[in-house]
């Protein structure tokens, strides 16, 4: 499945490997990514990933549902601004999001006391999950609460690679969900169709407003309590502003300083941001 770097002999709580921009091509796009206790496979592009699958499982694998589910939600020809094949590489925002959500104090605040005291599962859903780093970190560093996590696309490969790192009572579902498509939302399994928390990392980089509108529509339709996004401000800050303008009527927006995201990260508030979207309470009229 492609070349892999050797795992570090000792895992450091403060690791520079999450900061990707200073790495060479091979480390950034080809080698496996190791962080804390998870291992994430990477590929430089979709074509290399598909070839690796075909080499491993045979050419017939290219036409089945597994490989079809790795296709992008939007064709490259439609979004000319798209960074090609972004789903196959670890991006820094996803590490920030995963580490932030893994903090016990943050997790309890996002879920709420009532949900934590209930016997039902806690359901999280990650949009545009790509390699799945955010969800995998959140799961592997969690305290083992009941929860389900819905991620999509290439995540399936990395979920299986890290299955032994997850709590025994965790359930992980991978399913395509195209933004702005109500039929995809309706097709979600019933037990994850109303997630407690929605996550998204580095989704607001495109200048195509139709993509941002579709994402906003999905977030508004799916989010019950809170959605948390990690963003890179260096990409297109105007896209972040546009997205927030679309959702502000439905959510109270809270900006969190990335420098406070996690004690084991040193992140720049100038480069990255964390945004919490809290569903506004509907005023009751007499």
Protein backbone atom coordinates (compact mmCIF):
# COMPACT_ATOMS: atom_id res chain seq x y z
CA UNK A 1 0.00 0.00 0.00
CA UNK A 2 2.82 2.44 -0.72
CA UNK A 3 5.97 3.14 1.21
CA UNK A 4 5.88 3.81 4.92
CA UNK A 5 8.17 5.59 7.29
CA UNK A 6 9.27 3.77 10.41
CA UNK A 7 7.26 4.62 13.50
CA UNK A 8 9.07 6.76 16.07
CA UNK A 9 10.79 4.74 18.76
CA UNK A 10 9.28 6.97 21.42
CA UNK A 11 6.05 8.94 21.17
CA UNK A 12 6.48 12.50 22.36
CA UNK A 13 3.53 14.35 23.83
CA UNK A 14 4.71 17.46 21.99
CA UNK A 15 5.38 16.54 18.39
CA UNK A 16 6.32 18.73 15.43
CA UNK A 17 5.13 16.12 12.91
CA UNK A 18 1.65 17.63 12.83
CA UNK A 19 3.10 20.81 11.29
CA UNK A 20 3.20 19.70 7.69
CA UNK A 21 4.29 22.76 5.70
CA UNK A 22 7.97 22.46 6.58
CA UNK A 23 8.23 18.77 5.60
CA UNK A 24 9.59 17.40 2.37
CA UNK A 25 7.38 15.92 -0.33
CA UNK A 26 7.84 12.29 0.72
CA UNK A 27 7.11 12.95 4.40
CA UNK A 28 4.14 15.14 3.63
CA UNK A 29 2.41 13.16 0.88
CA UNK A 30 3.77 9.59 0.75
CA UNK A 31 4.97 8.29 4.12
CA UNK A 32 2.57 7.12 6.78
CA UNK A 33 1.71 9.80 9.32
CA UNK A 34 2.32 8.92 12.96
CA UNK A 35 0.94 11.05 15.74
CA UNK A 36 0.43 10.03 19.36
CA UNK A 37 -0.85 6.47 19.09
CA UNK A 38 -2.41 6.52 15.61
CA UNK A 39 -1.03 5.71 12.18
CA UNK A 40 -2.54 7.25 9.07
CA UNK A 41 -1.73 6.19 5.54
CA UNK A 42 -1.22 8.85 2.89
CA UNK A 43 -1.09 8.98 -0.89
CA UNK A 44 -0.02 11.91 -3.09
CA UNK A 45 -3.17 11.66 -5.20
CA UNK A 46 -6.25 9.57 -5.90
CA UNK A 47 -4.65 7.80 -8.86
CA UNK A 48 -1.81 6.45 -6.70
CA UNK A 49 -4.31 5.29 -4.07
CA UNK A 50 -6.44 3.50 -6.68
CA UNK A 51 -3.38 1.83 -8.18
CA UNK A 52 -2.32 0.61 -4.73
CA UNK A 53 -5.76 -0.91 -4.20
CA UNK A 54 -5.71 -2.56 -7.60
CA UNK A 55 -2.23 -3.97 -6.97
CA UNK A 56 -3.34 -5.34 -3.62
CA UNK A 57 -6.81 -6.63 -4.49
CA UNK A 58 -6.92 -6.96 -8.27
CA UNK A 59 -8.15 -4.76 -11.11
CA UNK A 60 -11.79 -5.74 -10.54
CA UNK A 61 -11.64 -3.84 -7.26
CA UNK A 62 -11.52 -0.56 -9.21
CA UNK A 63 -15.15 -0.82 -10.23
CA UNK A 64 -16.74 -1.90 -6.97
CA UNK A 65 -18.41 0.13 -4.26
CA UNK A 66 -15.30 0.40 -2.09
CA UNK A 67 -13.29 2.31 -4.67
CA UNK A 68 -16.31 4.21 -5.93
CA UNK A 69 -16.86 5.57 -2.44
CA UNK A 70 -13.44 7.26 -2.56
CA UNK A 71 -14.55 9.56 -5.36
CA UNK A 72 -14.83 13.21 -4.50
CA UNK A 73 -18.22 14.75 -3.75
CA UNK A 74 -17.50 17.29 -6.47
CA UNK A 75 -15.92 16.59 -9.82
CA UNK A 76 -12.62 18.38 -10.38
CA UNK A 77 -13.97 19.78 -13.63
CA UNK A 78 -16.81 21.52 -11.80
CA UNK A 79 -14.63 23.18 -9.16
CA UNK A 80 -11.65 24.56 -11.05
CA UNK A 81 -10.27 26.00 -7.84
CA UNK A 82 -10.06 22.64 -6.09
CA UNK A 83 -6.68 21.58 -4.71
CA UNK A 84 -6.37 18.17 -6.42
CA UNK A 85 -7.04 15.09 -4.30
CA UNK A 86 -6.90 16.82 -0.93
CA UNK A 87 -8.54 13.87 0.83
CA UNK A 88 -5.44 11.67 0.71
CA UNK A 89 -3.12 13.89 2.75
CA UNK A 90 -3.03 14.90 6.41
CA UNK A 91 -3.75 18.61 6.90
CA UNK A 92 -2.78 20.48 10.04
CA UNK A 93 -6.29 21.68 10.84
CA UNK A 94 -7.49 18.09 11.24
CA UNK A 95 -4.86 17.41 13.91
CA UNK A 96 -5.84 20.60 15.75
CA UNK A 97 -9.52 19.62 15.63
CA UNK A 98 -8.90 16.07 16.85
CA UNK A 99 -6.70 17.16 19.73
CA UNK A 100 -9.11 19.92 20.76
CA UNK A 101 -12.11 17.58 20.80
CA UNK A 102 -10.13 14.98 22.78
CA UNK A 103 -9.82 17.31 25.78
CA UNK A 104 -12.16 16.07 28.53
CA UNK A 105 -13.30 19.57 29.47
CA UNK A 106 -14.07 20.45 25.85
CA UNK A 107 -15.83 17.13 25.24
CA UNK A 108 -18.07 17.52 28.30
CA UNK A 109 -18.99 21.07 27.31
CA UNK A 110 -19.79 20.11 23.71
CA UNK A 111 -21.93 17.15 24.71
CA UNK A 112 -23.66 18.70 27.69
CA UNK A 113 -24.38 17.25 31.13
CA UNK A 114 -27.77 15.80 30.20
CA UNK A 115 -26.37 13.75 27.30
CA UNK A 116 -23.37 12.54 29.30
CA UNK A 117 -25.67 11.27 32.04
CA UNK A 118 -27.95 9.43 29.62
CA UNK A 119 -27.47 5.80 28.63
CA UNK A 120 -27.71 6.39 24.89
CA UNK A 121 -24.75 6.57 22.50
CA UNK A 122 -22.97 9.84 21.74
CA UNK A 123 -22.96 10.39 17.98
CA UNK A 124 -20.37 12.48 16.16
CA UNK A 125 -20.20 13.05 12.44
CA UNK A 126 -17.19 14.38 10.55
CA UNK A 127 -17.81 16.09 7.21
CA UNK A 128 -15.09 15.94 4.55
CA UNK A 129 -13.10 13.59 6.74
CA UNK A 130 -10.38 12.67 4.23
CA UNK A 131 -7.70 10.68 6.07
CA UNK A 132 -9.86 10.66 9.18
CA UNK A 133 -7.19 12.11 11.49
CA UNK A 134 -9.59 14.31 13.45
CA UNK A 135 -12.04 11.51 14.26
CA UNK A 136 -9.30 8.96 14.88
CA UNK A 137 -7.53 11.23 17.37
CA UNK A 138 -10.79 12.05 19.13
CA UNK A 139 -11.68 8.37 19.39
CA UNK A 140 -8.26 7.02 20.33
CA UNK A 141 -7.68 9.65 23.03
CA UNK A 142 -11.21 9.49 24.45
CA UNK A 143 -12.20 8.16 27.82
CA UNK A 144 -14.23 5.38 26.23
CA UNK A 145 -17.72 6.88 26.30
CA UNK A 146 -20.31 5.22 24.07
CA UNK A 147 -20.31 6.96 20.76
CA UNK A 148 -20.61 6.49 17.01
CA UNK A 149 -18.57 8.40 14.47
CA UNK A 150 -19.58 8.86 10.88
CA UNK A 151 -16.79 9.66 8.44
CA UNK A 152 -16.49 9.30 4.67
CA UNK A 153 -14.35 8.36 1.70
CA UNK A 154 -10.68 7.45 2.21
CA UNK A 155 -11.21 7.28 5.99
CA UNK A 156 -12.32 3.65 5.65
CA UNK A 157 -8.75 2.51 5.04
CA UNK A 158 -7.37 4.36 8.05
CA UNK A 159 -10.22 3.32 10.32
CA UNK A 160 -9.28 -0.32 9.77
CA UNK A 161 -5.59 0.48 10.33
CA UNK A 162 -6.37 1.93 13.76
CA UNK A 163 -9.26 -0.23 14.89
CA UNK A 164 -7.28 -1.59 17.84
CA UNK A 165 -6.71 1.94 19.18
CA UNK A 166 -10.42 2.66 19.63
CA UNK A 167 -12.56 1.97 22.70
CA UNK A 168 -14.32 -1.37 22.52
CA UNK A 169 -17.73 0.30 22.73
CA UNK A 170 -17.05 2.68 19.83
CA UNK A 171 -18.86 2.14 16.54
CA UNK A 172 -17.46 3.68 13.36
CA UNK A 173 -19.51 4.11 10.19
CA UNK A 174 -18.13 5.40 6.89
CA UNK A 175 -20.59 6.65 4.32
CA UNK A 176 -20.51 9.22 1.47
CA UNK A 177 -22.48 12.39 2.17
CA UNK A 178 -22.54 14.98 -0.59
CA UNK A 179 -22.96 18.50 0.70
CA UNK A 180 -26.26 20.13 -0.13
CA UNK A 181 -27.89 16.84 -1.13
CA UNK A 182 -30.93 16.16 1.01
CA UNK A 183 -31.17 12.61 -0.33
CA UNK A 184 -27.74 11.81 1.13
CA UNK A 185 -28.81 13.12 4.52
CA UNK A 186 -31.98 11.03 4.35
CA UNK A 187 -29.88 7.97 3.44
CA UNK A 188 -27.81 8.13 6.64
CA UNK A 189 -28.38 5.19 9.02
CA UNK A 190 -31.01 6.12 11.57
CA UNK A 191 -28.66 5.87 14.55
CA UNK A 192 -26.32 8.53 13.13
CA UNK A 193 -28.85 10.73 11.34
CA UNK A 194 -29.07 13.13 14.30
CA UNK A 195 -25.46 13.62 15.43
CA UNK A 196 -24.70 15.24 18.78
CA UNK A 197 -21.63 16.96 17.36
CA UNK A 198 -20.53 17.70 13.80
CA UNK A 199 -16.83 18.13 13.03
CA UNK A 200 -15.09 19.60 10.01
CA UNK A 201 -11.41 20.39 9.34
CA UNK A 202 -10.03 22.56 6.55
CA UNK A 203 -13.24 22.55 4.52
CA UNK A 204 -13.38 26.28 3.79
CA UNK A 205 -10.57 26.73 1.27
CA UNK A 206 -12.41 26.99 -2.05
CA UNK A 207 -13.45 30.19 -3.80
CA UNK A 208 -16.41 28.38 -5.36
CA UNK A 209 -19.35 29.86 -3.46
CA UNK A 210 -21.67 27.06 -4.55
CA UNK A 211 -19.52 24.56 -2.61
CA UNK A 212 -19.56 26.76 0.49
CA UNK A 213 -23.34 27.18 0.17
CA UNK A 214 -23.81 23.42 -0.08
CA UNK A 215 -21.68 22.86 3.03
CA UNK A 216 -23.63 25.50 4.95
CA UNK A 217 -26.94 23.89 3.95
CA UNK A 218 -25.76 20.49 5.17
CA UNK A 219 -24.50 21.90 8.47
CA UNK A 220 -27.80 23.72 9.07
CA UNK A 221 -29.86 20.61 8.28
CA UNK A 222 -27.75 18.13 10.28
CA UNK A 223 -26.56 20.01 13.34
CA UNK A 224 -28.70 19.55 16.42
CA UNK A 225 -26.54 21.02 19.18
CA UNK A 226 -23.09 22.12 18.00
CA UNK A 227 -20.68 21.97 15.07
CA UNK A 228 -16.94 22.52 15.46
CA UNK A 229 -14.65 23.53 12.60
CA UNK A 230 -10.89 23.95 12.40
CA UNK A 231 -9.78 26.28 9.63
CA UNK A 232 -6.56 27.45 8.05
CA UNK A 233 -6.69 31.23 7.76
CA UNK A 234 -3.91 31.25 5.19
CA UNK A 235 -5.98 29.59 2.46
CA UNK A 236 -8.94 31.86 1.74
CA UNK A 237 -10.15 33.80 4.77
CA UNK A 238 -12.93 35.28 2.66
CA UNK A 239 -14.41 31.79 2.28
CA UNK A 240 -14.55 31.45 6.07
CA UNK A 241 -16.29 34.82 6.33
CA UNK A 242 -18.76 33.86 3.62
CA UNK A 243 -19.60 30.54 5.29
CA UNK A 244 -20.22 32.22 8.64
CA UNK A 245 -22.52 34.75 6.98
CA UNK A 246 -24.64 31.86 5.71
CA UNK A 247 -25.02 30.10 9.06
CA UNK A 248 -25.18 33.01 11.52
CA UNK A 249 -28.98 33.16 11.49
CA UNK A 250 -29.15 29.58 12.84
CA UNK A 251 -26.10 29.48 15.11
CA UNK A 252 -24.34 31.47 17.77
CA UNK A 253 -20.72 31.66 16.59
CA UNK A 254 -17.86 31.24 19.08
CA UNK A 255 -14.23 31.68 18.04
CA UNK A 256 -11.65 29.70 20.05
CA UNK A 257 -7.98 30.69 20.09
CA UNK A 258 -6.02 27.85 18.50
CA UNK A 259 -3.09 28.60 20.80
CA UNK A 260 -5.29 27.27 23.63
CA UNK A 261 -6.55 24.21 21.70
CA UNK A 262 -4.39 21.61 23.47
CA UNK A 263 -1.39 21.64 25.78
CA UNK A 264 0.48 19.29 23.42
CA UNK A 265 0.16 21.59 20.41
CA UNK A 266 1.84 24.87 19.61
CA UNK A 267 -0.45 26.41 17.02
CA UNK A 268 -0.52 29.95 15.68
CA UNK A 269 -3.68 32.03 16.06
CA UNK A 270 -2.60 33.92 12.93
CA UNK A 271 -2.50 30.75 10.85
CA UNK A 272 -5.40 28.68 12.22
CA UNK A 273 -8.80 29.07 13.83
CA UNK A 274 -11.35 27.01 15.75
CA UNK A 275 -15.02 27.86 15.32
CA UNK A 276 -17.92 26.49 17.36
CA UNK A 277 -21.43 26.85 15.96
CA UNK A 278 -24.08 26.53 18.68
CA UNK A 279 -27.66 26.04 17.52
CA UNK A 280 -29.77 29.04 18.52
CA UNK A 281 -32.67 28.30 20.81
CA UNK A 282 -36.06 28.98 19.27
CA UNK A 283 -37.95 31.55 21.29
CA UNK A 284 -41.32 30.23 22.45
CA UNK A 285 -44.26 32.53 21.76
CA UNK A 286 -47.29 32.61 24.01
